[in-house]
Structures are given as C-alpha cells and as structure tokens.
Amino acid sequence: MERFARTQRLLGDRSFQHLQSKSVTIVGLGAVGGYVVEGLVRAGILHLRLVDFDTIQLTNLNRQIIALETTIGQPKALAARDRALAINPGCKVEPMQLFAGDETLEQILSPKPDLLIDAIDSLNPKAQLLQGAYLKAIPTLSSMGAALRTDPTFIRSGDLFETKGCPLAKQLRKRLRKRGVGAGITCVYSTEPINFEYKDPVKDAEEEIIGETPFSDRGRKRNVLGSLPTITGIFGLTIANLAILQLSQHAGEDQ
C-alpha cells in the first residue's frame, strides 16, 4: 500500500478502506472526465467503470490528459483504462465503448455504482443520463460547462438546480424538469460571465475523424468551443476531490 500511503495518512485507515471499497462509474472521458479518472486512481479508488463511445482526436491534445501522440485514434474508454492500470495495476477497470442514451442506460448503470460521475459535453445524452441516475437514486456528480472560461476563481460546486451563470446548467435544468427530475444532483460549474447561448450543434467541418466506433455516427455533431487545459483540468480534479471526500465518509472516526 506504499503507493497510497499519503492518501491513507490524510484520510485515516478506516476512511481509506471505505474509499477503496466503493465503485464509481464515469461517463465521458474527455477534457474533464480524463482528469476525474486521474484523480480517483491516484487517490486509491479500486473499482471503476469507464464509459465513452468516442476515439481520441488531434484536437483533443490541447486539453485531454489521455490524448497523446501515441493514443491518437484509440477508443477513449480503452486509453483511459490503460492509463489507470499504468498508475495502479491493481485497479479493477471496466471500459465500455457506449454512447450514453436512453437505450444504453440500463447497461451503463447496472449494477448500481456507489457514485456516478457525469462528464458528458452534449446536452441530450447528459439529460438522459442524469434522469436515469435520478430514477435509480444513484448519487451523482455532474460537470457543467468548462469551455470558454479562463478564470479558475469562478469555479464553484453546488446543487444543479441552484446554479447561476452557467448556460449549460440553465438548459439542462429545463430538460430535467420536463423529465420529472428535481434537486439533489451536485455539480461543478463556473459563474464566469461568457457570451454564449446554446444552439443546435454543428460538426467542425475541418476536423478529420481518426478512428471509428460503432457509435461514431451518434456523437459527431457538437458545438466546437475554445477551451484551456487548465480550466477543464481543474473542473475534473474538483469533481474527483468531491468524490474522494464523499466516498470516504463513514459512521464514526478513527483519527
């Protein structure tokens, strides 16, 4: 256990053992989700399900931790698994090359994880995933919009239905209310003012798609927004930190 000695020393033996006994499902392994995986594996999480339909592209290199010259064209789920195992070969990682949607939710969310982390950047599948988790009473952490932001001091966490200043959260709330979803979803978001409104996404015509999966035709259309590796990384590590603290909680203290 030497590799996790500092986590164990900080949390205490009982809390650390509690953390290691938990299972986490992460959906979306891009700019935010990749850093979530990084933080959780390095903290000592041992049970991960990693879900993403997409492959790694050249345009991912500016912000996605699993995007390397050697991983271009690889499925993100498999590249994230390989990185997790390179950090801790004892981690039990289940990669799933699936597009998150109503037809795949049962497969993604069964058996129920102790925690679901939503790092999807597309509005419709994001709403479908959060509704599915809500109906199954699965504790959930969700990432809101990290693109277009430059100031990390505006990053916050709180209930999705109480956020302010995030266009993605605003649109997501509207869809979730129609689906009967209410408060109880913790999210990480930014209150930094930006000039952006969600519209129908379009494919970046200049992007050459490298590598294909059975779900490639489902997720190519998207809004192409500028982003920094710093802000998306902070979003992901903030979610990972919330997850670590939440999963290590137990009745009683040992410190």
Protein backbone atom coordinates (compact mmCIF):
# COMPACT_ATOMS: atom_id res chain seq x y z
CA MET A 1 0.00 0.00 0.00
CA GLU A 2 3.04 2.28 -0.18
CA ARG A 3 1.75 3.96 -3.35
CA PHE A 4 -1.29 5.29 -1.47
CA ALA A 5 0.39 5.96 1.89
CA ARG A 6 -0.14 9.72 1.72
CA THR A 7 -3.84 9.42 0.92
CA GLN A 8 -4.23 6.91 3.75
CA ARG A 9 -2.33 9.14 6.16
CA LEU A 10 -4.59 12.09 5.37
CA LEU A 11 -7.92 10.26 5.41
CA GLY A 12 -7.17 7.71 8.14
CA ASP A 13 -7.21 3.93 7.84
CA ARG A 14 -10.95 3.44 8.10
CA SER A 15 -11.89 6.19 5.67
CA PHE A 16 -9.29 5.00 3.18
CA GLN A 17 -10.59 1.43 3.35
CA HIS A 18 -14.09 2.79 2.86
CA LEU A 19 -12.90 4.69 -0.21
CA GLN A 20 -11.29 1.60 -1.71
CA SER A 21 -14.43 -0.48 -1.26
CA LYS A 22 -16.56 1.83 -3.42
CA SER A 23 -17.35 1.60 -7.14
CA VAL A 24 -17.51 4.61 -9.46
CA THR A 25 -18.92 4.92 -12.97
CA ILE A 26 -17.55 7.79 -15.06
CA VAL A 27 -19.40 8.69 -18.25
CA GLY A 28 -17.47 10.94 -20.62
CA LEU A 29 -13.68 10.63 -20.69
CA GLY A 30 -12.70 13.85 -22.40
CA ALA A 31 -11.24 17.08 -21.04
CA VAL A 32 -12.99 16.85 -17.67
CA GLY A 33 -13.61 13.12 -17.34
CA GLY A 34 -9.99 12.17 -18.00
CA TYR A 35 -8.84 14.24 -15.05
CA VAL A 36 -11.56 12.69 -12.89
CA VAL A 37 -10.12 9.26 -13.66
CA GLU A 38 -6.61 10.53 -12.94
CA GLY A 39 -7.56 11.94 -9.54
CA LEU A 40 -9.55 8.91 -8.43
CA VAL A 41 -6.97 6.30 -9.45
CA ARG A 42 -4.12 8.21 -7.84
CA ALA A 43 -6.19 8.53 -4.65
CA GLY A 44 -6.62 4.75 -4.43
CA ILE A 45 -10.04 4.00 -5.95
CA LEU A 46 -10.09 0.34 -6.96
CA HIS A 47 -13.36 -0.14 -8.85
CA LEU A 48 -14.07 1.91 -11.98
CA ARG A 49 -16.41 1.65 -14.94
CA LEU A 50 -15.30 3.99 -17.74
CA VAL A 51 -17.84 4.88 -20.43
CA ASP A 52 -17.22 6.75 -23.69
CA PHE A 53 -18.14 5.96 -27.30
CA ASP A 54 -15.55 8.24 -28.90
CA THR A 55 -11.97 8.00 -30.16
CA ILE A 56 -9.05 10.32 -29.40
CA GLN A 57 -8.52 13.06 -31.97
CA LEU A 58 -5.69 15.51 -32.71
CA THR A 59 -7.91 18.34 -31.47
CA ASN A 60 -8.05 16.66 -28.05
CA LEU A 61 -4.32 17.17 -27.43
CA ASN A 62 -4.73 20.68 -26.03
CA ARG A 63 -6.79 19.60 -23.01
CA GLN A 64 -7.39 15.85 -22.58
CA ILE A 65 -4.96 14.01 -20.32
CA ILE A 66 -5.41 10.69 -22.14
CA ALA A 67 -4.69 12.33 -25.51
CA LEU A 68 -1.08 11.68 -26.52
CA GLU A 69 0.65 11.28 -29.87
CA THR A 70 0.69 7.55 -29.13
CA THR A 71 -3.06 7.34 -28.37
CA ILE A 72 -4.50 9.23 -31.37
CA GLY A 73 -7.29 7.14 -32.91
CA GLN A 74 -7.70 4.88 -29.88
CA PRO A 75 -11.09 4.50 -28.16
CA LYS A 76 -11.14 6.81 -25.14
CA ALA A 77 -12.52 4.09 -22.87
CA LEU A 78 -9.56 1.82 -23.64
CA ALA A 79 -6.96 4.59 -23.42
CA ALA A 80 -8.36 5.68 -20.05
CA ARG A 81 -8.29 2.09 -18.82
CA ASP A 82 -4.67 1.71 -19.89
CA ARG A 83 -3.68 4.91 -18.12
CA ALA A 84 -5.48 3.85 -14.93
CA LEU A 85 -3.71 0.50 -14.95
CA ALA A 86 -0.36 2.18 -15.63
CA ILE A 87 -0.89 4.12 -12.38
CA ASN A 88 -2.24 1.18 -10.37
CA PRO A 89 -2.25 -2.31 -11.93
CA GLY A 90 -4.44 -3.47 -9.06
CA CYS A 91 -7.33 -1.22 -10.05
CA LYS A 92 -10.31 -3.09 -11.48
CA VAL A 93 -11.33 -1.14 -14.56
CA GLU A 94 -14.24 -1.96 -16.84
CA PRO A 95 -14.16 0.05 -20.10
CA MET A 96 -17.42 0.43 -22.02
CA GLN A 97 -17.47 1.80 -25.56
CA LEU A 98 -21.05 3.00 -25.42
CA PHE A 99 -22.95 6.13 -26.34
CA ALA A 100 -24.88 7.26 -23.27
CA GLY A 101 -28.57 7.44 -24.12
CA ASP A 102 -31.94 6.05 -23.12
CA GLU A 103 -31.24 2.74 -24.89
CA THR A 104 -27.91 2.13 -23.11
CA LEU A 105 -28.65 3.46 -19.61
CA GLU A 106 -29.56 0.08 -18.13
CA GLN A 107 -26.25 -1.35 -19.27
CA ILE A 108 -24.28 1.65 -18.02
CA LEU A 109 -25.98 1.92 -14.63
CA SER A 110 -26.35 -1.76 -13.76
CA PRO A 111 -25.26 -2.85 -11.29
CA LYS A 112 -25.71 0.44 -9.48
CA PRO A 113 -22.42 2.17 -8.71
CA ASP A 114 -21.82 3.85 -5.39
CA LEU A 115 -21.28 7.06 -7.34
CA LEU A 116 -21.94 8.21 -10.90
CA ILE A 117 -19.84 10.97 -12.43
CA ASP A 118 -21.29 12.69 -15.49
CA ALA A 119 -18.67 14.39 -17.66
CA ILE A 120 -20.67 14.39 -20.92
CA ASP A 121 -20.49 17.57 -23.00
CA SER A 122 -23.65 17.04 -25.08
CA LEU A 123 -26.99 18.23 -23.76
CA ASN A 124 -29.41 15.44 -24.77
CA PRO A 125 -27.40 12.42 -23.54
CA LYS A 126 -26.45 14.37 -20.43
CA ALA A 127 -30.12 14.90 -19.55
CA GLN A 128 -30.94 11.26 -20.27
CA LEU A 129 -28.10 10.00 -18.08
CA LEU A 130 -28.97 12.28 -15.17
CA GLN A 131 -32.64 11.28 -15.37
CA GLY A 132 -31.68 7.60 -15.33
CA ALA A 133 -29.46 8.07 -12.29
CA TYR A 134 -32.13 10.14 -10.54
CA LEU A 135 -34.77 7.45 -11.01
CA LYS A 136 -32.38 4.80 -9.68
CA ALA A 137 -31.39 7.01 -6.72
CA ILE A 138 -27.70 6.85 -7.65
CA PRO A 139 -25.58 9.59 -6.04
CA THR A 140 -24.27 11.76 -8.85
CA LEU A 141 -21.65 14.42 -9.51
CA SER A 142 -22.02 16.30 -12.79
CA SER A 143 -19.78 18.66 -14.74
CA MET A 144 -21.26 21.76 -16.28
CA GLY A 145 -19.62 23.92 -18.95
CA ALA A 146 -15.84 24.42 -18.68
CA ALA A 147 -15.28 25.74 -22.23
CA LEU A 148 -14.84 29.48 -22.90
CA ARG A 149 -13.73 30.10 -19.30
CA THR A 150 -10.33 31.50 -18.37
CA ASP A 151 -10.57 32.35 -14.66
CA PRO A 152 -10.45 29.41 -12.20
CA THR A 153 -11.54 31.60 -9.28
CA PHE A 154 -15.11 31.49 -10.63
CA ILE A 155 -15.38 27.69 -10.31
CA ARG A 156 -17.99 26.53 -7.79
CA SER A 157 -19.81 23.40 -6.66
CA GLY A 158 -23.42 23.05 -5.58
CA ASP A 159 -26.84 21.70 -6.47
CA LEU A 160 -27.57 21.84 -10.20
CA PHE A 161 -30.93 23.50 -9.55
CA GLU A 162 -29.30 26.34 -7.62
CA THR A 163 -26.52 27.28 -10.06
CA LYS A 164 -26.21 30.71 -11.61
CA GLY A 165 -24.27 31.99 -14.61
CA CYS A 166 -23.84 28.71 -16.49
CA PRO A 167 -25.70 28.44 -19.84
CA LEU A 168 -25.36 24.65 -19.91
CA ALA A 169 -26.83 24.29 -16.43
CA LYS A 170 -29.73 26.56 -17.40
CA GLN A 171 -30.64 24.48 -20.44
CA LEU A 172 -30.12 21.25 -18.55
CA ARG A 173 -32.47 22.28 -15.76
CA LYS A 174 -35.24 22.97 -18.29
CA ARG A 175 -34.92 19.49 -19.78
CA LEU A 176 -34.64 17.75 -16.44
CA ARG A 177 -37.75 19.46 -15.04
CA LYS A 178 -39.71 18.17 -18.04
CA ARG A 179 -38.42 14.68 -17.20
CA GLY A 180 -39.53 14.97 -13.57
CA VAL A 181 -36.04 15.42 -12.15
CA GLY A 182 -35.57 17.70 -9.16
CA ALA A 183 -32.89 18.83 -6.75
CA GLY A 184 -30.16 16.54 -5.47
CA ILE A 185 -27.58 16.48 -8.27
CA THR A 186 -24.29 18.04 -7.20
CA CYS A 187 -22.38 19.76 -9.97
CA VAL A 188 -19.21 21.70 -10.62
CA TYR A 189 -19.77 24.88 -12.63
CA SER A 190 -18.37 28.33 -13.32
CA THR A 191 -20.01 31.69 -12.69
CA GLU A 192 -17.58 33.44 -15.04
CA PRO A 193 -19.58 35.64 -17.43
CA ILE A 194 -19.47 34.41 -21.03
CA ASN A 195 -21.26 35.47 -24.18
CA PHE A 196 -22.75 32.22 -25.39
CA GLU A 197 -26.17 30.68 -25.98
CA TYR A 198 -26.81 27.00 -26.62
CA LYS A 199 -27.99 26.34 -30.17
CA ASP A 200 -28.16 23.28 -32.38
CA PRO A 201 -24.59 21.97 -32.58
CA VAL A 202 -22.74 21.59 -35.84
CA LYS A 203 -19.85 19.40 -36.85
CA ASP A 204 -16.45 21.01 -37.21
CA ALA A 205 -16.04 20.60 -40.97
CA GLU A 206 -12.25 20.88 -40.79
CA GLU A 207 -11.77 18.07 -38.30
CA GLU A 208 -10.59 14.79 -39.76
CA ILE A 209 -12.01 11.97 -37.66
CA ILE A 210 -9.38 9.39 -36.73
CA GLY A 211 -10.63 6.00 -35.56
CA GLU A 212 -14.22 4.82 -35.54
CA THR A 213 -16.51 3.00 -33.11
CA PRO A 214 -20.00 1.51 -33.53
CA PHE A 215 -21.41 4.72 -32.05
CA SER A 216 -19.33 7.23 -34.01
CA ASP A 217 -22.32 8.50 -36.01
CA ARG A 218 -24.20 9.30 -32.80
CA GLY A 219 -21.94 11.93 -31.33
CA ARG A 220 -20.08 13.81 -34.03
CA LYS A 221 -22.30 16.88 -34.14
CA ARG A 222 -21.31 19.22 -31.35
CA ASN A 223 -20.58 22.83 -30.58
CA VAL A 224 -16.88 23.49 -31.20
CA LEU A 225 -15.82 25.80 -28.37
CA GLY A 226 -12.45 27.12 -27.28
CA SER A 227 -11.10 25.78 -24.01
CA LEU A 228 -7.98 25.69 -21.86
CA PRO A 229 -6.35 22.59 -20.35
CA THR A 230 -6.09 24.41 -17.03
CA ILE A 231 -9.80 25.11 -16.53
CA THR A 232 -11.05 21.73 -17.76
CA GLY A 233 -8.42 20.02 -15.62
CA ILE A 234 -9.48 21.99 -12.54
CA PHE A 235 -13.10 21.01 -13.21
CA GLY A 236 -12.13 17.33 -13.38
CA LEU A 237 -9.91 17.38 -10.30
CA THR A 238 -12.55 19.32 -8.34
CA ILE A 239 -15.08 16.59 -9.15
CA ALA A 240 -12.53 13.93 -8.21
CA ASN A 241 -11.92 15.70 -4.90
CA LEU A 242 -15.64 15.86 -4.14
CA ALA A 243 -15.90 12.16 -4.97
CA ILE A 244 -12.99 11.20 -2.73
CA LEU A 245 -14.43 13.05 0.25
CA GLN A 246 -17.92 11.69 -0.36
CA LEU A 247 -16.86 8.07 -0.83
CA SER A 248 -14.52 8.03 2.17
CA GLN A 249 -17.25 9.10 4.60
CA HIS A 250 -18.26 6.56 7.23
CA ALA A 251 -20.02 6.37 10.58
CA GLY A 252 -17.51 7.08 13.34
CA GLU A 253 -14.00 8.45 13.35
CA ASP A 254 -10.63 6.72 13.54
CA GLN A 255 -8.26 9.65 13.53
